[in-house]
Amino acid sequence: MDTGNDFNQSSALAQHWVDAWNLHDLAAIMQHYSENIEFRSPVIQKMGVHPEGIINNKEELKAYFEKALVKYPDLYFELFHILEGVNSMVIFYKSISDSLAAEYMELDRQGKICKVSAHYKGL
């Protein structure tokens, strides 16, 4: 995976992603995502963004994340595990409202996240 930046290893990418969320830095969060994104999450449904829980547009993803940062002002992620695959990874972490989360992330040729499927326990 060649991201063209300093966080081209899965563990570094995951840590940078968590740090960006914990800083509530939307620009830093968004730099990880491809223009061609497929993002699935039950939180999309829970927040009333899209009833099917899927976002396929980077601008909509940005608006969703912005809304989430407002809705959860105390949001803080705690990274537990990173599972590495072929151009993909699964990150396991503590998420909103102390729920457990696992996100499957596929990476494109530039090392940007192009597909996400988020899973939660205790949401």
PDB file of N, CA and C in Angstrom:
ATOM      1  N   MET A   1       0.850  -1.174   0.000  1.00  0.00           N
ATOM      2  CA  MET A   1       0.000   0.000   0.000  1.00  0.00           C
ATOM      3  C   MET A   1       0.888   1.226   0.000  1.00  0.00           C
ATOM      4  N   ASP A   2       0.653   2.129  -0.944  1.00  0.00           N
ATOM      5  CA  ASP A   2       1.444   3.347  -1.053  1.00  0.00           C
ATOM      6  C   ASP A   2       0.527   4.538  -0.875  1.00  0.00           C
ATOM      7  N   THR A   3       0.578   5.145   0.290  1.00  0.00           N
ATOM      8  CA  THR A   3      -0.313   6.264   0.579  1.00  0.00           C
ATOM      9  C   THR A   3       0.277   7.593   0.167  1.00  0.00           C
ATOM     10  N   GLY A   4       1.576   7.648  -0.111  1.00  0.00           N
ATOM     11  CA  GLY A   4       2.189   8.903  -0.474  1.00  0.00           C
ATOM     12  C   GLY A   4       2.343   9.850   0.697  1.00  0.00           C
ATOM     13  N   ASN A   5       2.303   9.333   1.915  1.00  0.00           N
ATOM     14  CA  ASN A   5       2.473  10.176   3.090  1.00  0.00           C
ATOM     15  C   ASN A   5       3.178   9.381   4.178  1.00  0.00           C
ATOM     16  N   ASP A   6       3.233   9.932   5.376  1.00  0.00           N
ATOM     17  CA  ASP A   6       4.008   9.319   6.452  1.00  0.00           C
ATOM     18  C   ASP A   6       3.313   8.160   7.149  1.00  0.00           C
ATOM     19  N   PHE A   7       2.053   7.922   6.874  1.00  0.00           N
ATOM     20  CA  PHE A   7       1.353   6.852   7.568  1.00  0.00           C
ATOM     21  C   PHE A   7       0.923   5.779   6.574  1.00  0.00           C
ATOM     22  N   ASN A   8       1.937   5.123   5.964  1.00  0.00           N
ATOM     23  CA  ASN A   8       1.641   4.132   4.939  1.00  0.00           C
ATOM     24  C   ASN A   8       1.590   2.703   5.465  1.00  0.00           C
ATOM     25  N   GLN A   9       1.720   2.500   6.734  1.00  0.00           N
ATOM     26  CA  GLN A   9       1.541   1.182   7.328  1.00  0.00           C
ATOM     27  C   GLN A   9       0.164   1.146   7.986  1.00  0.00           C
ATOM     28  N   SER A  10      -0.475  -0.027   7.980  1.00  0.00           N
ATOM     29  CA  SER A  10      -1.822  -0.136   8.542  1.00  0.00           C
ATOM     30  C   SER A  10      -1.903   0.368   9.970  1.00  0.00           C
ATOM     31  N   SER A  11      -0.927   0.000  10.801  1.00  0.00           N
ATOM     32  CA  SER A  11      -0.982   0.426  12.199  1.00  0.00           C
ATOM     33  C   SER A  11      -0.851   1.940  12.330  1.00  0.00           C
ATOM     34  N   ALA A  12       0.023   2.537  11.532  1.00  0.00           N
ATOM     35  CA  ALA A  12       0.189   3.992  11.582  1.00  0.00           C
ATOM     36  C   ALA A  12      -1.052   4.695  11.031  1.00  0.00           C
ATOM     37  N   LEU A  13      -1.613   4.152   9.958  1.00  0.00           N
ATOM     38  CA  LEU A  13      -2.831   4.723   9.390  1.00  0.00           C
ATOM     39  C   LEU A  13      -3.961   4.674  10.408  1.00  0.00           C
ATOM     40  N   ALA A  14      -4.141   3.524  11.038  1.00  0.00           N
ATOM     41  CA  ALA A  14      -5.209   3.382  12.037  1.00  0.00           C
ATOM     42  C   ALA A  14      -5.003   4.346  13.200  1.00  0.00           C
ATOM     43  N   GLN A  15      -3.779   4.475  13.673  1.00  0.00           N
ATOM     44  CA  GLN A  15      -3.517   5.381  14.795  1.00  0.00           C
ATOM     45  C   GLN A  15      -3.759   6.840  14.387  1.00  0.00           C
ATOM     46  N   HIS A  16      -3.341   7.208  13.193  1.00  0.00           N
ATOM     47  CA  HIS A  16      -3.569   8.571  12.712  1.00  0.00           C
ATOM     48  C   HIS A  16      -5.065   8.838  12.588  1.00  0.00           C
ATOM     49  N   TRP A  17      -5.817   7.845  12.113  1.00  0.00           N
ATOM     50  CA  TRP A  17      -7.275   7.961  11.970  1.00  0.00           C
ATOM     51  C   TRP A  17      -7.921   8.189  13.337  1.00  0.00           C
ATOM     52  N   VAL A  18      -7.531   7.373  14.336  1.00  0.00           N
ATOM     53  CA  VAL A  18      -8.064   7.520  15.696  1.00  0.00           C
ATOM     54  C   VAL A  18      -7.693   8.894  16.269  1.00  0.00           C
ATOM     55  N   ASP A  19      -6.448   9.292  16.094  1.00  0.00           N
ATOM     56  CA  ASP A  19      -6.002  10.591  16.614  1.00  0.00           C
ATOM     57  C   ASP A  19      -6.797  11.738  15.995  1.00  0.00           C
ATOM     58  N   ALA A  20      -7.052  11.663  14.689  1.00  0.00           N
ATOM     59  CA  ALA A  20      -7.824  12.708  14.012  1.00  0.00           C
ATOM     60  C   ALA A  20      -9.239  12.793  14.590  1.00  0.00           C
ATOM     61  N   TRP A  21      -9.852  11.635  14.815  1.00  0.00           N
ATOM     62  CA  TRP A  21     -11.181  11.627  15.426  1.00  0.00           C
ATOM     63  C   TRP A  21     -11.138  12.202  16.849  1.00  0.00           C
ATOM     64  N   ASN A  22     -10.144  11.805  17.619  1.00  0.00           N
ATOM     65  CA  ASN A  22     -10.064  12.274  19.004  1.00  0.00           C
ATOM     66  C   ASN A  22      -9.801  13.775  19.089  1.00  0.00           C
ATOM     67  N   LEU A  23      -9.165  14.332  18.080  1.00  0.00           N
ATOM     68  CA  LEU A  23      -8.960  15.780  18.021  1.00  0.00           C
ATOM     69  C   LEU A  23     -10.167  16.495  17.416  1.00  0.00           C
ATOM     70  N   HIS A  24     -11.127  15.724  16.927  1.00  0.00           N
ATOM     71  CA  HIS A  24     -12.308  16.261  16.242  1.00  0.00           C
ATOM     72  C   HIS A  24     -11.886  17.134  15.057  1.00  0.00           C
ATOM     73  N   ASP A  25     -10.840  16.691  14.360  1.00  0.00           N
ATOM     74  CA  ASP A  25     -10.253  17.412  13.228  1.00  0.00           C
ATOM     75  C   ASP A  25     -10.820  16.835  11.934  1.00  0.00           C
ATOM     76  N   LEU A  26     -11.891  17.451  11.447  1.00  0.00           N
ATOM     77  CA  LEU A  26     -12.600  16.915  10.281  1.00  0.00           C
ATOM     78  C   LEU A  26     -11.704  16.850   9.046  1.00  0.00           C
ATOM     79  N   ALA A  27     -10.872  17.837   8.825  1.00  0.00           N
ATOM     80  CA  ALA A  27      -9.973  17.820   7.659  1.00  0.00           C
ATOM     81  C   ALA A  27      -9.011  16.639   7.744  1.00  0.00           C
ATOM     82  N   ALA A  28      -8.457  16.382   8.920  1.00  0.00           N
ATOM     83  CA  ALA A  28      -7.538  15.248   9.093  1.00  0.00           C
ATOM     84  C   ALA A  28      -8.272  13.919   8.932  1.00  0.00           C
ATOM     85  N   ILE A  29      -9.504  13.855   9.400  1.00  0.00           N
ATOM     86  CA  ILE A  29     -10.305  12.634   9.231  1.00  0.00           C
ATOM     87  C   ILE A  29     -10.534  12.373   7.747  1.00  0.00           C
ATOM     88  N   MET A  30     -10.968  13.391   7.033  1.00  0.00           N
ATOM     89  CA  MET A  30     -11.355  13.231   5.635  1.00  0.00           C
ATOM     90  C   MET A  30     -10.185  12.896   4.722  1.00  0.00           C
ATOM     91  N   GLN A  31      -8.962  13.266   5.092  1.00  0.00           N
ATOM     92  CA  GLN A  31      -7.816  12.981   4.217  1.00  0.00           C
ATOM     93  C   GLN A  31      -7.570  11.494   4.047  1.00  0.00           C
ATOM     94  N   HIS A  32      -8.157  10.679   4.916  1.00  0.00           N
ATOM     95  CA  HIS A  32      -7.974   9.232   4.822  1.00  0.00           C
ATOM     96  C   HIS A  32      -8.883   8.567   3.804  1.00  0.00           C
ATOM     97  N   TYR A  33      -9.905   9.285   3.327  1.00  0.00           N
ATOM     98  CA  TYR A  33     -10.938   8.664   2.501  1.00  0.00           C
ATOM     99  C   TYR A  33     -10.783   9.005   1.022  1.00  0.00           C
ATOM    100  N   SER A  34     -11.036   8.002   0.193  1.00  0.00           N
ATOM    101  CA  SER A  34     -11.012   8.133  -1.254  1.00  0.00           C
ATOM    102  C   SER A  34     -12.219   8.936  -1.735  1.00  0.00           C
ATOM    103  N   GLU A  35     -12.074   9.523  -2.904  1.00  0.00           N
ATOM    104  CA  GLU A  35     -13.222  10.184  -3.540  1.00  0.00           C
ATOM    105  C   GLU A  35     -14.301   9.151  -3.857  1.00  0.00           C
ATOM    106  N   ASN A  36     -13.885   7.928  -4.159  1.00  0.00           N
ATOM    107  CA  ASN A  36     -14.812   6.832  -4.450  1.00  0.00           C
ATOM    108  C   ASN A  36     -14.988   6.020  -3.183  1.00  0.00           C
ATOM    109  N   ILE A  37     -15.980   6.369  -2.388  1.00  0.00           N
ATOM    110  CA  ILE A  37     -16.180   5.764  -1.073  1.00  0.00           C
ATOM    111  C   ILE A  37     -17.508   5.030  -1.020  1.00  0.00           C
ATOM    112  N   GLU A  38     -17.491   3.886  -0.372  1.00  0.00           N
ATOM    113  CA  GLU A  38     -18.719   3.189   0.012  1.00  0.00           C
ATOM    114  C   GLU A  38     -18.608   2.980   1.511  1.00  0.00           C
ATOM    115  N   PHE A  39     -19.480   3.632   2.254  1.00  0.00           N
ATOM    116  CA  PHE A  39     -19.402   3.643   3.712  1.00  0.00           C
ATOM    117  C   PHE A  39     -20.728   3.140   4.276  1.00  0.00           C
ATOM    118  N   ARG A  40     -20.675   2.032   5.027  1.00  0.00           N
ATOM    119  CA  ARG A  40     -21.874   1.423   5.623  1.00  0.00           C
ATOM    120  C   ARG A  40     -21.747   1.433   7.137  1.00  0.00           C
ATOM    121  N   SER A  41     -22.792   1.930   7.797  1.00  0.00           N
ATOM    122  CA  SER A  41     -22.765   1.975   9.262  1.00  0.00           C
ATOM    123  C   SER A  41     -24.180   2.078   9.812  1.00  0.00           C
ATOM    124  N   PRO A  42     -24.464   1.351  10.903  1.00  0.00           N
ATOM    125  CA  PRO A  42     -25.764   1.512  11.551  1.00  0.00           C
ATOM    126  C   PRO A  42     -25.921   2.893  12.189  1.00  0.00           C
ATOM    127  N   VAL A  43     -24.819   3.587  12.431  1.00  0.00           N
ATOM    128  CA  VAL A  43     -24.910   4.941  12.998  1.00  0.00           C
ATOM    129  C   VAL A  43     -25.509   5.904  11.964  1.00  0.00           C
ATOM    130  N   ILE A  44     -25.265   5.647  10.684  1.00  0.00           N
ATOM    131  CA  ILE A  44     -25.893   6.443   9.623  1.00  0.00           C
ATOM    132  C   ILE A  44     -27.405   6.343   9.763  1.00  0.00           C
ATOM    133  N   GLN A  45     -27.888   5.128  10.009  1.00  0.00           N
ATOM    134  CA  GLN A  45     -29.323   4.920  10.212  1.00  0.00           C
ATOM    135  C   GLN A  45     -29.784   5.572  11.507  1.00  0.00           C
ATOM    136  N   LYS A  46     -29.043   5.338  12.581  1.00  0.00           N
ATOM    137  CA  LYS A  46     -29.419   5.852  13.901  1.00  0.00           C
ATOM    138  C   LYS A  46     -29.537   7.375  13.902  1.00  0.00           C
ATOM    139  N   MET A  47     -28.659   8.031  13.163  1.00  0.00           N
ATOM    140  CA  MET A  47     -28.678   9.492  13.114  1.00  0.00           C
ATOM    141  C   MET A  47     -29.672  10.030  12.087  1.00  0.00           C
ATOM    142  N   GLY A  48     -30.340   9.135  11.369  1.00  0.00           N
ATOM    143  CA  GLY A  48     -31.344   9.559  10.398  1.00  0.00           C
ATOM    144  C   GLY A  48     -30.766  10.156   9.129  1.00  0.00           C
ATOM    145  N   VAL A  49     -29.518   9.825   8.812  1.00  0.00           N
ATOM    146  CA  VAL A  49     -28.876  10.384   7.623  1.00  0.00           C
ATOM    147  C   VAL A  49     -29.388   9.695   6.361  1.00  0.00           C
ATOM    148  N   HIS A  50     -29.357   8.365   6.348  1.00  0.00           N
ATOM    149  CA  HIS A  50     -29.882   7.567   5.239  1.00  0.00           C
ATOM    150  C   HIS A  50     -30.484   6.302   5.840  1.00  0.00           C
ATOM    151  N   PRO A  51     -31.734   5.983   5.514  1.00  0.00           N
ATOM    152  CA  PRO A  51     -32.377   4.817   6.119  1.00  0.00           C
ATOM    153  C   PRO A  51     -31.687   3.496   5.802  1.00  0.00           C
ATOM    154  N   GLU A  52     -31.002   3.415   4.650  1.00  0.00           N
ATOM    155  CA  GLU A  52     -30.321   2.169   4.302  1.00  0.00           C
ATOM    156  C   GLU A  52     -28.947   2.046   4.952  1.00  0.00           C
ATOM    157  N   GLY A  53     -28.463   3.126   5.570  1.00  0.00           N
ATOM    158  CA  GLY A  53     -27.183   3.077   6.286  1.00  0.00           C
ATOM    159  C   GLY A  53     -25.961   3.098   5.401  1.00  0.00           C
ATOM    160  N   ILE A  54     -26.097   3.622   4.184  1.00  0.00           N
ATOM    161  CA  ILE A  54     -24.988   3.630   3.224  1.00  0.00           C
ATOM    162  C   ILE A  54     -24.767   5.042   2.683  1.00  0.00           C
ATOM    163  N   ILE A  55     -23.495   5.427   2.606  1.00  0.00           N
ATOM    164  CA  ILE A  55     -23.098   6.680   1.961  1.00  0.00           C
ATOM    165  C   ILE A  55     -22.126   6.325   0.841  1.00  0.00           C
ATOM    166  N   ASN A  56     -22.344   6.903  -0.348  1.00  0.00           N
ATOM    167  CA  ASN A  56     -21.493   6.627  -1.510  1.00  0.00           C
ATOM    168  C   ASN A  56     -20.890   7.900  -2.107  1.00  0.00           C
ATOM    169  N   ASN A  57     -20.732   8.939  -1.306  1.00  0.00           N
ATOM    170  CA  ASN A  57     -20.268  10.210  -1.803  1.00  0.00           C
ATOM    171  C   ASN A  57     -19.415  10.869  -0.728  1.00  0.00           C
ATOM    172  N   LYS A  58     -18.218  11.316  -1.088  1.00  0.00           N
ATOM    173  CA  LYS A  58     -17.303  11.861  -0.085  1.00  0.00           C
ATOM    174  C   LYS A  58     -17.858  13.131   0.570  1.00  0.00           C
ATOM    175  N   GLU A  59     -18.562  13.958  -0.166  1.00  0.00           N
ATOM    176  CA  GLU A  59     -19.142  15.171   0.422  1.00  0.00           C
ATOM    177  C   GLU A  59     -20.240  14.814   1.429  1.00  0.00           C
ATOM    178  N   GLU A  60     -21.055  13.813   1.123  1.00  0.00           N
ATOM    179  CA  GLU A  60     -22.070  13.354   2.078  1.00  0.00           C
ATOM    180  C   GLU A  60     -21.414  12.735   3.304  1.00  0.00           C
ATOM    181  N   LEU A  61     -20.301  12.026   3.081  1.00  0.00           N
ATOM    182  CA  LEU A  61     -19.571  11.436   4.200  1.00  0.00           C
ATOM    183  C   LEU A  61     -19.048  12.539   5.116  1.00  0.00           C
ATOM    184  N   LYS A  62     -18.513  13.583   4.532  1.00  0.00           N
ATOM    185  CA  LYS A  62     -18.010  14.719   5.314  1.00  0.00           C
ATOM    186  C   LYS A  62     -19.140  15.353   6.125  1.00  0.00           C
ATOM    187  N   ALA A  63     -20.296  15.556   5.506  1.00  0.00           N
ATOM    188  CA  ALA A  63     -21.451  16.135   6.208  1.00  0.00           C
ATOM    189  C   ALA A  63     -21.905  15.229   7.352  1.00  0.00           C
ATOM    190  N   TYR A  64     -21.899  13.917   7.114  1.00  0.00           N
ATOM    191  CA  TYR A  64     -22.266  12.944   8.144  1.00  0.00           C
ATOM    192  C   TYR A  64     -21.287  13.003   9.317  1.00  0.00           C
ATOM    193  N   PHE A  65     -19.989  13.005   9.019  1.00  0.00           N
ATOM    194  CA  PHE A  65     -18.990  13.084  10.079  1.00  0.00           C
ATOM    195  C   PHE A  65     -19.114  14.391  10.863  1.00  0.00           C
ATOM    196  N   GLU A  66     -19.367  15.478  10.155  1.00  0.00           N
ATOM    197  CA  GLU A  66     -19.532  16.775  10.810  1.00  0.00           C
ATOM    198  C   GLU A  66     -20.724  16.741  11.774  1.00  0.00           C
ATOM    199  N   LYS A  67     -21.809  16.156  11.325  1.00  0.00           N
ATOM    200  CA  LYS A  67     -22.998  16.002  12.161  1.00  0.00           C
ATOM    201  C   LYS A  67     -22.703  15.119  13.383  1.00  0.00           C
ATOM    202  N   ALA A  68     -21.938  14.044  13.174  1.00  0.00           N
ATOM    203  CA  ALA A  68     -21.580  13.137  14.268  1.00  0.00           C
ATOM    204  C   ALA A  68     -20.716  13.844  15.307  1.00  0.00           C
ATOM    205  N   LEU A  69     -19.785  14.680  14.864  1.00  0.00           N
ATOM    206  CA  LEU A  69     -18.921  15.404  15.804  1.00  0.00           C
ATOM    207  C   LEU A  69     -19.718  16.389  16.650  1.00  0.00           C
ATOM    208  N   VAL A  70     -20.782  16.945  16.081  1.00  0.00           N
ATOM    209  CA  VAL A  70     -21.668  17.844  16.846  1.00  0.00           C
ATOM    210  C   VAL A  70     -22.533  17.034  17.811  1.00  0.00           C
ATOM    211  N   LYS A  71     -23.089  15.930  17.328  1.00  0.00           N
ATOM    212  CA  LYS A  71     -23.972  15.093  18.158  1.00  0.00           C
ATOM    213  C   LYS A  71     -23.227  14.461  19.324  1.00  0.00           C
ATOM    214  N   TYR A  72     -21.965  14.112  19.116  1.00  0.00           N
ATOM    215  CA  TYR A  72     -21.164  13.452  20.150  1.00  0.00           C
ATOM    216  C   TYR A  72     -19.946  14.325  20.503  1.00  0.00           C
ATOM    217  N   PRO A  73     -20.170  15.423  21.227  1.00  0.00           N
ATOM    218  CA  PRO A  73     -19.066  16.353  21.516  1.00  0.00           C
ATOM    219  C   PRO A  73     -17.972  15.747  22.392  1.00  0.00           C
ATOM    220  N   ASP A  74     -18.282  14.703  23.133  1.00  0.00           N
ATOM    221  CA  ASP A  74     -17.283  14.050  23.986  1.00  0.00           C
ATOM    222  C   ASP A  74     -16.697  12.811  23.324  1.00  0.00           C
ATOM    223  N   LEU A  75     -16.897  12.672  22.023  1.00  0.00           N
ATOM    224  CA  LEU A  75     -16.422  11.497  21.302  1.00  0.00           C
ATOM    225  C   LEU A  75     -14.928  11.300  21.522  1.00  0.00           C
ATOM    226  N   TYR A  76     -14.578  10.074  21.887  1.00  0.00           N
ATOM    227  CA  TYR A  76     -13.183   9.702  22.078  1.00  0.00           C
ATOM    228  C   TYR A  76     -13.054   8.224  21.776  1.00  0.00           C
ATOM    229  N   PHE A  77     -12.173   7.882  20.835  1.00  0.00           N
ATOM    230  CA  PHE A  77     -11.950   6.492  20.456  1.00  0.00           C
ATOM    231  C   PHE A  77     -10.727   5.957  21.182  1.00  0.00           C
ATOM    232  N   GLU A  78     -10.781   4.675  21.554  1.00  0.00           N
ATOM    233  CA  GLU A  78      -9.635   3.986  22.130  1.00  0.00           C
ATOM    234  C   GLU A  78      -9.336   2.771  21.252  1.00  0.00           C
ATOM    235  N   LEU A  79      -8.195   2.785  20.592  1.00  0.00           N
ATOM    236  CA  LEU A  79      -7.812   1.731  19.670  1.00  0.00           C
ATOM    237  C   LEU A  79      -7.342   0.502  20.438  1.00  0.00           C
ATOM    238  N   PHE A  80      -7.956  -0.661  20.151  1.00  0.00           N
ATOM    239  CA  PHE A  80      -7.583  -1.912  20.796  1.00  0.00           C
ATOM    240  C   PHE A  80      -6.732  -2.801  19.894  1.00  0.00           C
ATOM    241  N   HIS A  81      -7.192  -3.047  18.667  1.00  0.00           N
ATOM    242  CA  HIS A  81      -6.498  -3.980  17.770  1.00  0.00           C
ATOM    243  C   HIS A  81      -6.603  -3.521  16.326  1.00  0.00           C
ATOM    244  N   ILE A  82      -5.596  -3.887  15.553  1.00  0.00           N
ATOM    245  CA  ILE A  82      -5.586  -3.676  14.106  1.00  0.00           C
ATOM    246  C   ILE A  82      -5.309  -5.028  13.470  1.00  0.00           C
ATOM    247  N   LEU A  83      -6.200  -5.477  12.622  1.00  0.00           N
ATOM    248  CA  LEU A  83      -6.014  -6.726  11.886  1.00  0.00           C
ATOM    249  C   LEU A  83      -5.708  -6.349  10.439  1.00  0.00           C
ATOM    250  N   GLU A  84      -4.572  -6.808   9.929  1.00  0.00           N
ATOM    251  CA  GLU A  84      -4.138  -6.426   8.595  1.00  0.00           C
ATOM    252  C   GLU A  84      -4.519  -7.486   7.580  1.00  0.00           C
ATOM    253  N   GLY A  85      -4.963  -7.037   6.416  1.00  0.00           N
ATOM    254  CA  GLY A  85      -5.295  -7.917   5.312  1.00  0.00           C
ATOM    255  C   GLY A  85      -4.572  -7.460   4.063  1.00  0.00           C
ATOM    256  N   VAL A  86      -5.018  -7.925   2.918  1.00  0.00           N
ATOM    257  CA  VAL A  86      -4.474  -7.501   1.635  1.00  0.00           C
ATOM    258  C   VAL A  86      -5.230  -6.250   1.208  1.00  0.00           C
ATOM    259  N   ASN A  87      -4.547  -5.121   1.228  1.00  0.00           N
ATOM    260  CA  ASN A  87      -5.169  -3.827   0.926  1.00  0.00           C
ATOM    261  C   ASN A  87      -6.420  -3.578   1.768  1.00  0.00           C
ATOM    262  N   SER A  88      -6.388  -4.064   2.995  1.00  0.00           N
ATOM    263  CA  SER A  88      -7.522  -3.866   3.894  1.00  0.00           C
ATOM    264  C   SER A  88      -7.057  -4.051   5.333  1.00  0.00           C
ATOM    265  N   MET A  89      -7.906  -3.612   6.232  1.00  0.00           N
ATOM    266  CA  MET A  89      -7.652  -3.822   7.650  1.00  0.00           C
ATOM    267  C   MET A  89      -8.982  -3.776   8.388  1.00  0.00           C
ATOM    268  N   VAL A  90      -8.971  -4.345   9.583  1.00  0.00           N
ATOM    269  CA  VAL A  90     -10.094  -4.228  10.501  1.00  0.00           C
ATOM    270  C   VAL A  90      -9.537  -3.578  11.749  1.00  0.00           C
ATOM    271  N   ILE A  91     -10.190  -2.505  12.171  1.00  0.00           N
ATOM    272  CA  ILE A  91      -9.770  -1.884  13.424  1.00  0.00           C
ATOM    273  C   ILE A  91     -10.860  -2.125  14.462  1.00  0.00           C
ATOM    274  N   PHE A  92     -10.421  -2.485  15.639  1.00  0.00           N
ATOM    275  CA  PHE A  92     -11.303  -2.770  16.764  1.00  0.00           C
ATOM    276  C   PHE A  92     -11.024  -1.707  17.813  1.00  0.00           C
ATOM    277  N   TYR A  93     -12.070  -1.001  18.246  1.00  0.00           N
ATOM    278  CA  TYR A  93     -11.866   0.129  19.138  1.00  0.00           C
ATOM    279  C   TYR A  93     -13.107   0.418  19.985  1.00  0.00           C
ATOM    280  N   LYS A  94     -12.906   1.217  21.031  1.00  0.00           N
ATOM    281  CA  LYS A  94     -14.032   1.724  21.823  1.00  0.00           C
ATOM    282  C   LYS A  94     -14.514   2.975  21.121  1.00  0.00           C
ATOM    283  N   SER A  95     -15.819   3.059  20.925  1.00  0.00           N
ATOM    284  CA  SER A  95     -16.403   4.116  20.114  1.00  0.00           C
ATOM    285  C   SER A  95     -17.359   4.991  20.926  1.00  0.00           C
ATOM    286  N   ILE A  96     -18.345   5.537  20.259  1.00  0.00           N
ATOM    287  CA  ILE A  96     -19.312   6.432  20.885  1.00  0.00           C
ATOM    288  C   ILE A  96     -20.055   5.733  22.016  1.00  0.00           C
ATOM    289  N   SER A  97     -20.300   6.464  23.061  1.00  0.00           N
ATOM    290  CA  SER A  97     -21.037   5.961  24.224  1.00  0.00           C
ATOM    291  C   SER A  97     -20.413   4.680  24.785  1.00  0.00           C
ATOM    292  N   ASP A  98     -19.097   4.567  24.697  1.00  0.00           N
ATOM    293  CA  ASP A  98     -18.343   3.405  25.189  1.00  0.00           C
ATOM    294  C   ASP A  98     -18.753   2.092  24.530  1.00  0.00           C
ATOM    295  N   SER A  99     -19.379   2.168  23.354  1.00  0.00           N
ATOM    296  CA  SER A  99     -19.699   0.943  22.623  1.00  0.00           C
ATOM    297  C   SER A  99     -18.427   0.384  21.993  1.00  0.00           C
ATOM    298  N   LEU A 100     -18.443  -0.911  21.698  1.00  0.00           N
ATOM    299  CA  LEU A 100     -17.341  -1.534  20.986  1.00  0.00           C
ATOM    300  C   LEU A 100     -17.624  -1.445  19.492  1.00  0.00           C
ATOM    301  N   ALA A 101     -16.570  -1.211  18.712  1.00  0.00           N
ATOM    302  CA  ALA A 101     -16.735  -1.078  17.269  1.00  0.00           C
ATOM    303  C   ALA A 101     -15.622  -1.816  16.549  1.00  0.00           C
ATOM    304  N   ALA A 102     -15.965  -2.332  15.381  1.00  0.00           N
ATOM    305  CA  ALA A 102     -14.988  -2.907  14.462  1.00  0.00           C
ATOM    306  C   ALA A 102     -15.336  -2.371  13.081  1.00  0.00           C
ATOM    307  N   GLU A 103     -14.334  -1.859  12.401  1.00  0.00           N
ATOM    308  CA  GLU A 103     -14.544  -1.356  11.047  1.00  0.00           C
ATOM    309  C   GLU A 103     -13.638  -2.101  10.090  1.00  0.00           C
ATOM    310  N   TYR A 104     -14.271  -2.675   9.073  1.00  0.00           N
ATOM    311  CA  TYR A 104     -13.536  -3.270   7.963  1.00  0.00           C
ATOM    312  C   TYR A 104     -13.295  -2.154   6.965  1.00  0.00           C
ATOM    313  N   MET A 105     -12.033  -1.923   6.607  1.00  0.00           N
ATOM    314  CA  MET A 105     -11.669  -0.853   5.687  1.00  0.00           C
ATOM    315  C   MET A 105     -10.849  -1.420   4.535  1.00  0.00           C
ATOM    316  N   GLU A 106     -11.312  -1.170   3.312  1.00  0.00           N
ATOM    317  CA  GLU A 106     -10.524  -1.503   2.127  1.00  0.00           C
ATOM    318  C   GLU A 106      -9.806  -0.251   1.676  1.00  0.00           C
ATOM    319  N   LEU A 107      -8.588  -0.433   1.168  1.00  0.00           N
ATOM    320  CA  LEU A 107      -7.765   0.685   0.729  1.00  0.00           C
ATOM    321  C   LEU A 107      -7.562   0.629  -0.779  1.00  0.00           C
ATOM    322  N   ASP A 108      -7.597   1.794  -1.410  1.00  0.00           N
ATOM    323  CA  ASP A 108      -7.349   1.847  -2.849  1.00  0.00           C
ATOM    324  C   ASP A 108      -5.847   1.880  -3.121  1.00  0.00           C
ATOM    325  N   ARG A 109      -5.454   2.031  -4.370  1.00  0.00           N
ATOM    326  CA  ARG A 109      -4.041   2.003  -4.750  1.00  0.00           C
ATOM    327  C   ARG A 109      -3.236   3.142  -4.125  1.00  0.00           C
ATOM    328  N   GLN A 110      -3.906   4.216  -3.754  1.00  0.00           N
ATOM    329  CA  GLN A 110      -3.228   5.345  -3.117  1.00  0.00           C
ATOM    330  C   GLN A 110      -3.194   5.212  -1.593  1.00  0.00           C
ATOM    331  N   GLY A 111      -3.747   4.116  -1.075  1.00  0.00           N
ATOM    332  CA  GLY A 111      -3.776   3.908   0.363  1.00  0.00           C
ATOM    333  C   GLY A 111      -4.897   4.656   1.056  1.00  0.00           C
ATOM    334  N   LYS A 112      -5.864   5.135   0.279  1.00  0.00           N
ATOM    335  CA  LYS A 112      -7.031   5.829   0.844  1.00  0.00           C
ATOM    336  C   LYS A 112      -8.133   4.806   1.108  1.00  0.00           C
ATOM    337  N   ILE A 113      -8.927   5.062   2.118  1.00  0.00           N
ATOM    338  CA  ILE A 113     -10.036   4.176   2.464  1.00  0.00           C
ATOM    339  C   ILE A 113     -11.134   4.352   1.416  1.00  0.00           C
ATOM    340  N   CYS A 114     -11.495   3.249   0.757  1.00  0.00           N
ATOM    341  CA  CYS A 114     -12.507   3.325  -0.302  1.00  0.00           C
ATOM    342  C   CYS A 114     -13.772   2.529   0.022  1.00  0.00           C
ATOM    343  N   LYS A 115     -13.696   1.669   1.027  1.00  0.00           N
ATOM    344  CA  LYS A 115     -14.870   0.888   1.423  1.00  0.00           C
ATOM    345  C   LYS A 115     -14.794   0.651   2.930  1.00  0.00           C
ATOM    346  N   VAL A 116     -15.920   0.888   3.608  1.00  0.00           N
ATOM    347  CA  VAL A 116     -15.993   0.699   5.057  1.00  0.00           C
ATOM    348  C   VAL A 116     -17.287  -0.027   5.383  1.00  0.00           C
ATOM    349  N   SER A 117     -17.178  -0.976   6.295  1.00  0.00           N
ATOM    350  CA  SER A 117     -18.344  -1.588   6.886  1.00  0.00           C
ATOM    351  C   SER A 117     -18.130  -1.563   8.395  1.00  0.00           C
ATOM    352  N   ALA A 118     -18.937  -0.751   9.088  1.00  0.00           N
ATOM    353  CA  ALA A 118     -18.792  -0.549  10.534  1.00  0.00           C
ATOM    354  C   ALA A 118     -19.770  -1.447  11.290  1.00  0.00           C
ATOM    355  N   HIS A 119     -19.283  -1.989  12.396  1.00  0.00           N
ATOM    356  CA  HIS A 119     -20.067  -2.902  13.243  1.00  0.00           C
ATOM    357  C   HIS A 119     -19.936  -2.453  14.691  1.00  0.00           C
ATOM    358  N   TYR A 120     -21.021  -2.575  15.442  1.00  0.00           N
ATOM    359  CA  TYR A 120     -21.035  -2.100  16.838  1.00  0.00           C
ATOM    360  C   TYR A 120     -21.674  -3.102  17.781  1.00  0.00           C
ATOM    361  N   LYS A 121     -21.252  -3.048  19.029  1.00  0.00           N
ATOM    362  CA  LYS A 121     -21.891  -3.776  20.119  1.00  0.00           C
ATOM    363  C   LYS A 121     -22.157  -2.766  21.225  1.00  0.00           C
ATOM    364  N   GLY A 122     -23.372  -2.751  21.706  1.00  0.00           N
ATOM    365  CA  GLY A 122     -23.715  -1.847  22.801  1.00  0.00           C
ATOM    366  C   GLY A 122     -23.980  -0.424  22.369  1.00  0.00           C
ATOM    367  N   LEU A 123     -24.390  -0.254  21.123  1.00  0.00           N
ATOM    368  CA  LEU A 123     -24.636   1.087  20.587  1.00  0.00           C
ATOM    369  C   LEU A 123     -25.962   1.619  21.056  1.00  0.00           C
TER     370      LEU A 123
END
